[in-house]
PDB file of N, CA and C in Angstrom:
ATOM      1  N   MET A   1     -25.252  96.491   7.540  1.00  0.00           N
ATOM      2  CA  MET A   1     -25.472  97.756   6.989  1.00  0.00           C
ATOM      3  C   MET A   1     -26.843  98.353   7.298  1.00  0.00           C
ATOM      4  N   ILE A   2     -26.823  99.637   7.389  1.00  0.00           N
ATOM      5  CA  ILE A   2     -28.103 100.366   7.728  1.00  0.00           C
ATOM      6  C   ILE A   2     -28.369 101.441   6.725  1.00  0.00           C
ATOM      7  N   THR A   3     -29.607 101.689   6.370  1.00  0.00           N
ATOM      8  CA  THR A   3     -29.882 102.756   5.381  1.00  0.00           C
ATOM      9  C   THR A   3     -29.919 104.067   6.012  1.00  0.00           C
ATOM     10  N   VAL A   4     -29.776 105.127   5.240  1.00  0.00           N
ATOM     11  CA  VAL A   4     -29.948 106.500   5.712  1.00  0.00           C
ATOM     12  C   VAL A   4     -31.319 106.707   6.221  1.00  0.00           C
ATOM     13  N   GLN A   5     -32.293 106.121   5.535  1.00  0.00           N
ATOM     14  CA  GLN A   5     -33.716 106.259   5.978  1.00  0.00           C
ATOM     15  C   GLN A   5     -33.920 105.641   7.337  1.00  0.00           C
ATOM     16  N   GLU A   6     -33.299 104.459   7.581  1.00  0.00           N
ATOM     17  CA  GLU A   6     -33.507 103.755   8.879  1.00  0.00           C
ATOM     18  C   GLU A   6     -32.853 104.639   9.973  1.00  0.00           C
ATOM     19  N   VAL A   7     -31.749 105.270   9.762  1.00  0.00           N
ATOM     20  CA  VAL A   7     -31.125 106.045  10.722  1.00  0.00           C
ATOM     21  C   VAL A   7     -32.012 107.200  11.062  1.00  0.00           C
ATOM     22  N   THR A   8     -32.563 107.842  10.005  1.00  0.00           N
ATOM     23  CA  THR A   8     -33.463 109.053  10.157  1.00  0.00           C
ATOM     24  C   THR A   8     -34.717 108.647  11.012  1.00  0.00           C
ATOM     25  N   VAL A   9     -35.318 107.515  10.695  1.00  0.00           N
ATOM     26  CA  VAL A   9     -36.462 107.074  11.519  1.00  0.00           C
ATOM     27  C   VAL A   9     -36.134 106.790  12.917  1.00  0.00           C
ATOM     28  N   LEU A  10     -35.006 106.177  13.188  1.00  0.00           N
ATOM     29  CA  LEU A  10     -34.632 105.952  14.559  1.00  0.00           C
ATOM     30  C   LEU A  10     -34.403 107.259  15.381  1.00  0.00           C
ATOM     31  N   ILE A  11     -33.850 108.187  14.740  1.00  0.00           N
ATOM     32  CA  ILE A  11     -33.663 109.511  15.495  1.00  0.00           C
ATOM     33  C   ILE A  11     -34.945 110.205  15.605  1.00  0.00           C
ATOM     34  N   GLN A  12     -35.802 110.138  14.663  1.00  0.00           N
ATOM     35  CA  GLN A  12     -37.117 110.860  14.718  1.00  0.00           C
ATOM     36  C   GLN A  12     -37.953 110.276  15.781  1.00  0.00           C
ATOM     37  N   ARG A  13     -37.840 109.008  16.108  1.00  0.00           N
ATOM     38  CA  ARG A  13     -38.614 108.326  17.144  1.00  0.00           C
ATOM     39  C   ARG A  13     -38.343 109.000  18.533  1.00  0.00           C
ATOM     40  N   SER A  14     -37.031 109.318  18.707  1.00  0.00           N
ATOM     41  CA  SER A  14     -36.566 109.894  20.004  1.00  0.00           C
ATOM     42  C   SER A  14     -36.667 111.441  19.980  1.00  0.00           C
ATOM     43  N   ILE A  15     -36.517 111.992  18.885  1.00  0.00           N
ATOM     44  CA  ILE A  15     -36.545 113.475  18.745  1.00  0.00           C
ATOM     45  C   ILE A  15     -37.433 113.810  17.579  1.00  0.00           C
ATOM     46  N   PRO A  16     -38.785 113.818  17.865  1.00  0.00           N
ATOM     47  CA  PRO A  16     -39.742 113.947  16.764  1.00  0.00           C
ATOM     48  C   PRO A  16     -39.639 115.338  15.942  1.00  0.00           C
ATOM     49  N   ASP A  17     -39.191 116.402  16.532  1.00  0.00           N
ATOM     50  CA  ASP A  17     -39.091 117.678  15.895  1.00  0.00           C
ATOM     51  C   ASP A  17     -37.824 117.778  15.004  1.00  0.00           C
ATOM     52  N   ALA A  18     -36.991 116.860  15.069  1.00  0.00           N
ATOM     53  CA  ALA A  18     -35.630 116.962  14.523  1.00  0.00           C
ATOM     54  C   ALA A  18     -35.625 117.067  13.033  1.00  0.00           C
ATOM     55  N   GLN A  19     -34.711 117.940  12.573  1.00  0.00           N
ATOM     56  CA  GLN A  19     -34.388 118.055  11.182  1.00  0.00           C
ATOM     57  C   GLN A  19     -33.135 117.272  10.936  1.00  0.00           C
ATOM     58  N   ILE A  20     -33.084 116.202  10.248  1.00  0.00           N
ATOM     59  CA  ILE A  20     -32.018 115.225  10.219  1.00  0.00           C
ATOM     60  C   ILE A  20     -31.416 115.064   8.827  1.00  0.00           C
ATOM     61  N   ASP A  21     -30.120 115.203   8.714  1.00  0.00           N
ATOM     62  CA  ASP A  21     -29.408 114.936   7.428  1.00  0.00           C
ATOM     63  C   ASP A  21     -28.368 113.890   7.767  1.00  0.00           C
ATOM     64  N   VAL A  22     -28.581 112.741   7.041  1.00  0.00           N
ATOM     65  CA  VAL A  22     -27.633 111.650   7.132  1.00  0.00           C
ATOM     66  C   VAL A  22     -26.894 111.309   5.839  1.00  0.00           C
ATOM     67  N   LYS A  23     -25.648 111.192   5.944  1.00  0.00           N
ATOM     68  CA  LYS A  23     -24.770 110.900   4.718  1.00  0.00           C
ATOM     69  C   LYS A  23     -24.058 109.647   4.997  1.00  0.00           C
ATOM     70  N   ASP A  24     -24.000 108.729   4.018  1.00  0.00           N
ATOM     71  CA  ASP A  24     -23.200 107.529   4.089  1.00  0.00           C
ATOM     72  C   ASP A  24     -21.816 107.910   3.652  1.00  0.00           C
ATOM     73  N   MET A  25     -20.854 107.825   4.466  1.00  0.00           N
ATOM     74  CA  MET A  25     -19.461 108.081   4.182  1.00  0.00           C
ATOM     75  C   MET A  25     -18.688 106.899   3.633  1.00  0.00           C
ATOM     76  N   GLY A  26     -19.381 105.762   3.457  1.00  0.00           N
ATOM     77  CA  GLY A  26     -18.780 104.647   2.838  1.00  0.00           C
ATOM     78  C   GLY A  26     -19.095 103.337   3.575  1.00  0.00           C
ATOM     79  N   GLY A  27     -19.451 102.315   2.859  1.00  0.00           N
ATOM     80  CA  GLY A  27     -19.739 101.074   3.374  1.00  0.00           C
ATOM     81  C   GLY A  27     -21.039 100.862   4.025  1.00  0.00           C
ATOM     82  N   GLY A  28     -21.826 101.927   4.224  1.00  0.00           N
ATOM     83  CA  GLY A  28     -23.088 101.768   4.907  1.00  0.00           C
ATOM     84  C   GLY A  28     -22.983 101.772   6.482  1.00  0.00           C
ATOM     85  N   ASP A  29     -21.751 101.746   7.009  1.00  0.00           N
ATOM     86  CA  ASP A  29     -21.583 101.751   8.423  1.00  0.00           C
ATOM     87  C   ASP A  29     -20.718 103.004   9.002  1.00  0.00           C
ATOM     88  N   HIS A  30     -20.363 103.853   8.085  1.00  0.00           N
ATOM     89  CA  HIS A  30     -19.679 105.040   8.463  1.00  0.00           C
ATOM     90  C   HIS A  30     -20.526 106.217   8.063  1.00  0.00           C
ATOM     91  N   LEU A  31     -21.094 106.891   9.023  1.00  0.00           N
ATOM     92  CA  LEU A  31     -22.137 107.912   8.736  1.00  0.00           C
ATOM     93  C   LEU A  31     -21.713 109.314   9.310  1.00  0.00           C
ATOM     94  N   GLU A  32     -22.256 110.260   8.607  1.00  0.00           N
ATOM     95  CA  GLU A  32     -22.133 111.683   9.099  1.00  0.00           C
ATOM     96  C   GLU A  32     -23.610 112.082   9.315  1.00  0.00           C
ATOM     97  N   VAL A  33     -23.961 112.560  10.511  1.00  0.00           N
ATOM     98  CA  VAL A  33     -25.287 112.922  10.864  1.00  0.00           C
ATOM     99  C   VAL A  33     -25.394 114.320  11.432  1.00  0.00           C
ATOM    100  N   ASN A  34     -26.263 115.085  10.908  1.00  0.00           N
ATOM    101  CA  ASN A  34     -26.441 116.463  11.419  1.00  0.00           C
ATOM    102  C   ASN A  34     -27.994 116.544  11.963  1.00  0.00           C
ATOM    103  N   VAL A  35     -28.117 116.873  13.169  1.00  0.00           N
ATOM    104  CA  VAL A  35     -29.419 116.915  13.747  1.00  0.00           C
ATOM    105  C   VAL A  35     -29.655 118.316  14.333  1.00  0.00           C
ATOM    106  N   VAL A  36     -30.766 118.853  13.958  1.00  0.00           N
ATOM    107  CA  VAL A  36     -31.186 120.202  14.395  1.00  0.00           C
ATOM    108  C   VAL A  36     -32.514 119.984  15.213  1.00  0.00           C
ATOM    109  N   SER A  37     -32.603 120.425  16.417  1.00  0.00           N
ATOM    110  CA  SER A  37     -33.839 120.270  17.195  1.00  0.00           C
ATOM    111  C   SER A  37     -33.956 121.339  18.308  1.00  0.00           C
ATOM    112  N   ALA A  38     -35.162 121.729  18.532  1.00  0.00           N
ATOM    113  CA  ALA A  38     -35.481 122.715  19.592  1.00  0.00           C
ATOM    114  C   ALA A  38     -35.308 121.937  20.977  1.00  0.00           C
ATOM    115  N   LYS A  39     -35.344 120.615  20.940  1.00  0.00           N
ATOM    116  CA  LYS A  39     -35.204 119.840  22.166  1.00  0.00           C
ATOM    117  C   LYS A  39     -33.822 120.019  22.713  1.00  0.00           C
ATOM    118  N   PHE A  40     -32.886 120.526  21.881  1.00  0.00           N
ATOM    119  CA  PHE A  40     -31.533 120.606  22.443  1.00  0.00           C
ATOM    120  C   PHE A  40     -31.244 121.951  23.201  1.00  0.00           C
ATOM    121  N   ALA A  41     -32.276 122.859  23.142  1.00  0.00           N
ATOM    122  CA  ALA A  41     -32.130 124.171  23.780  1.00  0.00           C
ATOM    123  C   ALA A  41     -31.801 123.944  25.284  1.00  0.00           C
ATOM    124  N   GLY A  42     -30.821 124.585  25.709  1.00  0.00           N
ATOM    125  CA  GLY A  42     -30.430 124.535  27.218  1.00  0.00           C
ATOM    126  C   GLY A  42     -29.512 123.372  27.575  1.00  0.00           C
ATOM    127  N   LEU A  43     -29.290 122.495  26.571  1.00  0.00           N
ATOM    128  CA  LEU A  43     -28.427 121.337  26.802  1.00  0.00           C
ATOM    129  C   LEU A  43     -27.028 121.546  26.324  1.00  0.00           C
ATOM    130  N   SER A  44     -26.099 120.872  27.058  1.00  0.00           N
ATOM    131  CA  SER A  44     -24.655 121.012  26.603  1.00  0.00           C
ATOM    132  C   SER A  44     -24.496 120.178  25.344  1.00  0.00           C
ATOM    133  N   LEU A  45     -23.417 120.396  24.600  1.00  0.00           N
ATOM    134  CA  LEU A  45     -23.137 119.561  23.418  1.00  0.00           C
ATOM    135  C   LEU A  45     -23.106 118.082  23.728  1.00  0.00           C
ATOM    136  N   VAL A  46     -22.550 117.701  24.812  1.00  0.00           N
ATOM    137  CA  VAL A  46     -22.411 116.356  25.269  1.00  0.00           C
ATOM    138  C   VAL A  46     -23.828 115.800  25.471  1.00  0.00           C
ATOM    139  N   GLN A  47     -24.720 116.594  26.121  1.00  0.00           N
ATOM    140  CA  GLN A  47     -26.092 116.071  26.380  1.00  0.00           C
ATOM    141  C   GLN A  47     -26.899 115.954  25.061  1.00  0.00           C
ATOM    142  N   GLN A  48     -26.612 116.852  24.100  1.00  0.00           N
ATOM    143  CA  GLN A  48     -27.302 116.790  22.809  1.00  0.00           C
ATOM    144  C   GLN A  48     -26.885 115.478  22.159  1.00  0.00           C
ATOM    145  N   HIS A  49     -25.577 115.244  22.114  1.00  0.00           N
ATOM    146  CA  HIS A  49     -25.050 113.970  21.472  1.00  0.00           C
ATOM    147  C   HIS A  49     -25.616 112.754  22.184  1.00  0.00           C
ATOM    148  N   GLN A  50     -25.686 112.827  23.528  1.00  0.00           N
ATOM    149  CA  GLN A  50     -26.220 111.670  24.208  1.00  0.00           C
ATOM    150  C   GLN A  50     -27.639 111.280  23.808  1.00  0.00           C
ATOM    151  N   LEU A  51     -28.405 112.333  23.495  1.00  0.00           N
ATOM    152  CA  LEU A  51     -29.771 112.072  23.031  1.00  0.00           C
ATOM    153  C   LEU A  51     -29.750 111.265  21.700  1.00  0.00           C
ATOM    154  N   VAL A  52     -28.908 111.758  20.849  1.00  0.00           N
ATOM    155  CA  VAL A  52     -28.798 111.090  19.469  1.00  0.00           C
ATOM    156  C   VAL A  52     -28.207 109.629  19.631  1.00  0.00           C
ATOM    157  N   TYR A  53     -27.150 109.537  20.513  1.00  0.00           N
ATOM    158  CA  TYR A  53     -26.544 108.197  20.699  1.00  0.00           C
ATOM    159  C   TYR A  53     -27.647 107.308  21.314  1.00  0.00           C
ATOM    160  N   GLY A  54     -28.439 107.748  22.195  1.00  0.00           N
ATOM    161  CA  GLY A  54     -29.445 106.926  22.818  1.00  0.00           C
ATOM    162  C   GLY A  54     -30.454 106.413  21.724  1.00  0.00           C
ATOM    163  N   ALA A  55     -30.742 107.241  20.779  1.00  0.00           N
ATOM    164  CA  ALA A  55     -31.635 106.790  19.711  1.00  0.00           C
ATOM    165  C   ALA A  55     -31.041 105.663  18.783  1.00  0.00           C
ATOM    166  N   LEU A  56     -29.706 105.686  18.751  1.00  0.00           N
ATOM    167  CA  LEU A  56     -28.961 104.798  17.921  1.00  0.00           C
ATOM    168  C   LEU A  56     -28.162 103.694  18.755  1.00  0.00           C
ATOM    169  N   LYS A  57     -28.626 103.604  20.038  1.00  0.00           N
ATOM    170  CA  LYS A  57     -27.840 102.773  20.975  1.00  0.00           C
ATOM    171  C   LYS A  57     -27.606 101.317  20.397  1.00  0.00           C
ATOM    172  N   ASN A  58     -28.601 100.635  19.963  1.00  0.00           N
ATOM    173  CA  ASN A  58     -28.543  99.272  19.630  1.00  0.00           C
ATOM    174  C   ASN A  58     -27.665  99.190  18.295  1.00  0.00           C
ATOM    175  N   GLU A  59     -27.787 100.050  17.376  1.00  0.00           N
ATOM    176  CA  GLU A  59     -26.994 100.044  16.111  1.00  0.00           C
ATOM    177  C   GLU A  59     -25.494 100.313  16.376  1.00  0.00           C
ATOM    178  N   LEU A  60     -25.216 101.163  17.453  1.00  0.00           N
ATOM    179  CA  LEU A  60     -23.846 101.357  17.744  1.00  0.00           C
ATOM    180  C   LEU A  60     -23.223 100.211  18.503  1.00  0.00           C
ATOM    181  N   LYS A  61     -24.067  99.664  19.458  1.00  0.00           N
ATOM    182  CA  LYS A  61     -23.622  98.456  20.200  1.00  0.00           C
ATOM    183  C   LYS A  61     -23.274  97.302  19.343  1.00  0.00           C
ATOM    184  N   THR A  62     -24.087  96.980  18.368  1.00  0.00           N
ATOM    185  CA  THR A  62     -23.911  95.852  17.456  1.00  0.00           C
ATOM    186  C   THR A  62     -22.937  96.217  16.303  1.00  0.00           C
ATOM    187  N   GLU A  63     -22.471  97.424  16.245  1.00  0.00           N
ATOM    188  CA  GLU A  63     -21.642  97.910  15.235  1.00  0.00           C
ATOM    189  C   GLU A  63     -22.203  97.850  13.838  1.00  0.00           C
ATOM    190  N   THR A  64     -23.576  97.927  13.807  1.00  0.00           N
ATOM    191  CA  THR A  64     -24.235  98.162  12.550  1.00  0.00           C
ATOM    192  C   THR A  64     -23.778  99.548  12.065  1.00  0.00           C
ATOM    193  N   ILE A  65     -23.607 100.477  13.024  1.00  0.00           N
ATOM    194  CA  ILE A  65     -23.037 101.787  12.690  1.00  0.00           C
ATOM    195  C   ILE A  65     -21.627 101.639  13.359  1.00  0.00           C
ATOM    196  N   HIS A  66     -20.572 101.638  12.565  1.00  0.00           N
ATOM    197  CA  HIS A  66     -19.199 101.503  13.035  1.00  0.00           C
ATOM    198  C   HIS A  66     -18.569 102.867  13.430  1.00  0.00           C
ATOM    199  N   ALA A  67     -18.856 103.886  12.616  1.00  0.00           N
ATOM    200  CA  ALA A  67     -18.289 105.217  12.867  1.00  0.00           C
ATOM    201  C   ALA A  67     -19.453 106.245  12.613  1.00  0.00           C
ATOM    202  N   LEU A  68     -19.455 107.213  13.547  1.00  0.00           N
ATOM    203  CA  LEU A  68     -20.566 108.219  13.438  1.00  0.00           C
ATOM    204  C   LEU A  68     -19.909 109.631  13.759  1.00  0.00           C
ATOM    205  N   ALA A  69     -19.933 110.451  12.664  1.00  0.00           N
ATOM    206  CA  ALA A  69     -19.601 111.826  12.794  1.00  0.00           C
ATOM    207  C   ALA A  69     -20.877 112.618  13.079  1.00  0.00           C
ATOM    208  N   LEU A  70     -21.012 113.184  14.336  1.00  0.00           N
ATOM    209  CA  LEU A  70     -22.269 113.761  14.699  1.00  0.00           C
ATOM    210  C   LEU A  70     -22.100 115.267  14.955  1.00  0.00           C
ATOM    211  N   LYS A  71     -23.092 116.027  14.386  1.00  0.00           N
ATOM    212  CA  LYS A  71     -23.225 117.473  14.711  1.00  0.00           C
ATOM    213  C   LYS A  71     -24.579 117.716  15.127  1.00  0.00           C
ATOM    214  N   THR A  72     -24.755 118.476  16.206  1.00  0.00           N
ATOM    215  CA  THR A  72     -26.061 118.777  16.648  1.00  0.00           C
ATOM    216  C   THR A  72     -26.154 120.322  16.889  1.00  0.00           C
ATOM    217  N   SER A  73     -27.404 120.808  16.692  1.00  0.00           N
ATOM    218  CA  SER A  73     -27.640 122.246  16.968  1.00  0.00           C
ATOM    219  C   SER A  73     -29.070 122.517  17.140  1.00  0.00           C
ATOM    220  N   ILE A  74     -29.331 123.819  17.615  1.00  0.00           N
ATOM    221  CA  ILE A  74     -30.740 124.160  17.791  1.00  0.00           C
ATOM    222  C   ILE A  74     -31.138 125.023  16.553  1.00  0.00           C
ATOM    223  N   PRO A  75     -32.438 125.167  16.258  1.00  0.00           N
ATOM    224  CA  PRO A  75     -32.847 125.993  15.106  1.00  0.00           C
ATOM    225  C   PRO A  75     -32.522 127.380  15.339  1.00  0.00           C
ATOM    226  N   HIS A  76     -32.204 128.127  14.284  1.00  0.00           N
ATOM    227  CA  HIS A  76     -31.958 129.595  14.383  1.00  0.00           C
ATOM    228  C   HIS A  76     -33.254 130.460  14.320  1.00  0.00           C
TER     229      HIS A  76
END
């Protein structure tokens, strides 16, 4: 199990300017994550998601995070 705060910290290490909203959808390993960052400007949606997946690589590999619903965007 991973906490919402731990996920937030992991993403912020890779994307320091990110505004991050993490919701536990059940069991501590099914998460919904919304990340807003200027770092995503000019990147495709796939590339944006790859940045976030990279930040959570170990947790996804070990299935500490079993399911991840991910939304990314740039600030308005």
